[in-house]
C-alpha atoms as a PDB file:
ATOM      1  CA  MET A   1      31.381  19.244   8.407  1.00  0.00           C
ATOM      2  CA  SER A   2      27.739  20.060   8.186  1.00  0.00           C
ATOM      3  CA  GLU A   3      26.570  22.857   5.900  1.00  0.00           C
ATOM      4  CA  SER A   4      24.142  25.401   7.543  1.00  0.00           C
ATOM      5  CA  ILE A   5      21.065  26.391   5.738  1.00  0.00           C
ATOM      6  CA  ASP A   6      19.466  29.947   5.988  1.00  0.00           C
ATOM      7  CA  TYR A   7      15.552  29.118   6.464  1.00  0.00           C
ATOM      8  CA  LYS A   8      12.763  31.223   7.326  1.00  0.00           C
ATOM      9  CA  PRO A   9       9.395  29.479   7.369  1.00  0.00           C
ATOM     10  CA  GLY A  10       6.694  30.944   5.098  1.00  0.00           C
ATOM     11  CA  LEU A  11       3.305  31.719   6.218  1.00  0.00           C
ATOM     12  CA  VAL A  12       1.990  28.227   5.309  1.00  0.00           C
ATOM     13  CA  GLU A  13       4.423  26.617   7.754  1.00  0.00           C
ATOM     14  CA  VAL A  14       3.471  29.039  10.614  1.00  0.00           C
ATOM     15  CA  LEU A  15       0.003  28.370  10.037  1.00  0.00           C
ATOM     16  CA  ALA A  16      -0.006  24.733   9.759  1.00  0.00           C
ATOM     17  CA  THR A  17       2.084  24.667  12.737  1.00  0.00           C
ATOM     18  CA  ILE A  18      -0.071  26.626  14.926  1.00  0.00           C
ATOM     19  CA  VAL A  19      -3.280  24.888  13.573  1.00  0.00           C
ATOM     20  CA  LEU A  20      -1.521  21.424  14.613  1.00  0.00           C
ATOM     21  CA  PHE A  21      -0.651  22.717  18.221  1.00  0.00           C
ATOM     22  CA  ILE A  22      -4.209  23.917  18.623  1.00  0.00           C
ATOM     23  CA  LEU A  23      -5.682  20.470  17.443  1.00  0.00           C
ATOM     24  CA  TRP A  24      -3.423  18.507  19.941  1.00  0.00           C
ATOM     25  CA  THR A  25      -3.592  20.442  22.950  1.00  0.00           C
ATOM     26  CA  ILE A  26      -7.213  22.238  23.239  1.00  0.00           C
ATOM     27  CA  PRO A  27      -9.750  19.754  22.393  1.00  0.00           C
ATOM     28  CA  ALA A  28      -8.773  17.082  24.885  1.00  0.00           C
ATOM     29  CA  SER A  29     -10.427  18.795  27.700  1.00  0.00           C
ATOM     30  CA  PHE A  30     -13.692  19.075  25.650  1.00  0.00           C
ATOM     31  CA  ILE A  31     -14.004  15.565  24.383  1.00  0.00           C
ATOM     32  CA  ASP A  32     -12.971  13.566  27.353  1.00  0.00           C
ATOM     33  CA  LYS A  33     -15.831  11.351  27.377  1.00  0.00           C
ATOM     34  CA  PRO A  34     -15.014   7.746  27.816  1.00  0.00           C
ATOM     35  CA  ASN A  35     -18.501   6.701  27.475  1.00  0.00           C
ATOM     36  CA  ILE A  36     -18.823   7.683  24.198  1.00  0.00           C
ATOM     37  CA  LEU A  37     -17.727   5.222  21.282  1.00  0.00           C
ATOM     38  CA  ILE A  38     -17.521   5.237  17.697  1.00  0.00           C
ATOM     39  CA  LEU A  39     -16.587   1.899  16.101  1.00  0.00           C
ATOM     40  CA  GLY A  40     -15.894   0.899  19.606  1.00  0.00           C
ATOM     41  CA  ILE A  41     -13.193   3.372  20.062  1.00  0.00           C
ATOM     42  CA  PRO A  42     -13.541   5.845  22.695  1.00  0.00           C
ATOM     43  CA  ILE A  43     -14.006   9.552  21.275  1.00  0.00           C
ATOM     44  CA  LEU A  44     -10.812  10.917  22.478  1.00  0.00           C
ATOM     45  CA  TRP A  45      -8.783   8.073  21.089  1.00  0.00           C
ATOM     46  CA  LEU A  46     -10.383   8.309  17.809  1.00  0.00           C
ATOM     47  CA  TYR A  47     -10.037  12.162  17.970  1.00  0.00           C
ATOM     48  CA  TYR A  48      -6.266  11.796  18.415  1.00  0.00           C
ATOM     49  CA  ILE A  49      -5.564   8.995  15.788  1.00  0.00           C
ATOM     50  CA  LEU A  50      -7.223  11.102  13.151  1.00  0.00           C
ATOM     51  CA  VAL A  51      -5.063  14.264  14.314  1.00  0.00           C
ATOM     52  CA  SER A  52      -1.844  11.872  14.104  1.00  0.00           C
ATOM     53  CA  ILE A  53      -2.820  10.844  10.577  1.00  0.00           C
ATOM     54  CA  THR A  54      -3.469  14.447   9.549  1.00  0.00           C
ATOM     55  CA  THR A  55      -0.247  15.845  11.373  1.00  0.00           C
ATOM     56  CA  SER A  56       1.597  13.044   9.087  1.00  0.00           C
ATOM     57  CA  ILE A  57       0.186  14.037   6.129  1.00  0.00           C
ATOM     58  CA  VAL A  58       0.739  17.904   6.682  1.00  0.00           C
ATOM     59  CA  ILE A  59       4.413  17.343   7.653  1.00  0.00           C
ATOM     60  CA  THR A  60       4.940  15.104   4.438  1.00  0.00           C
ATOM     61  CA  LEU A  61       3.302  17.836   2.286  1.00  0.00           C
ATOM     62  CA  LEU A  62       5.241  20.643   3.793  1.00  0.00           C
ATOM     63  CA  TYR A  63       8.641  18.493   3.342  1.00  0.00           C
ATOM     64  CA  ILE A  64       7.958  17.762  -0.107  1.00  0.00           C
ATOM     65  CA  GLN A  65       6.844  21.453  -0.673  1.00  0.00           C
ATOM     66  CA  TRP A  66      10.370  22.587   0.606  1.00  0.00           C
ATOM     67  CA  GLU A  67      12.020  19.864  -1.123  1.00  0.00           C
ATOM     68  CA  ARG A  68      10.806  21.365  -4.530  1.00  0.00           C
ATOM     69  CA  GLY A  69      11.768  24.653  -3.550  1.00  0.00           C
ATOM     70  CA  LEU A  70       7.978  25.931  -3.595  1.00  0.00           C
ATOM     71  CA  ARG A  71       7.507  28.745  -1.249  1.00  0.00           C
ATOM     72  CA  VAL A  72       3.928  30.015  -0.486  1.00  0.00           C
END
């Protein structure tokens, strides 16, 4: 049987989640310009590649913080 963990997110986790949600949802309508290329990649694709990498790093850092028991 699994053990239940009583966990309430801290301010940093909540703010990180809100910022990541905004980064993933809002800008798509503003930067959907298929004719603009950066390094041969459409700007919207490049944006989502960078947001994906940023999201992975933030989630990893939040997990490490949680594993070490650090609360902010």
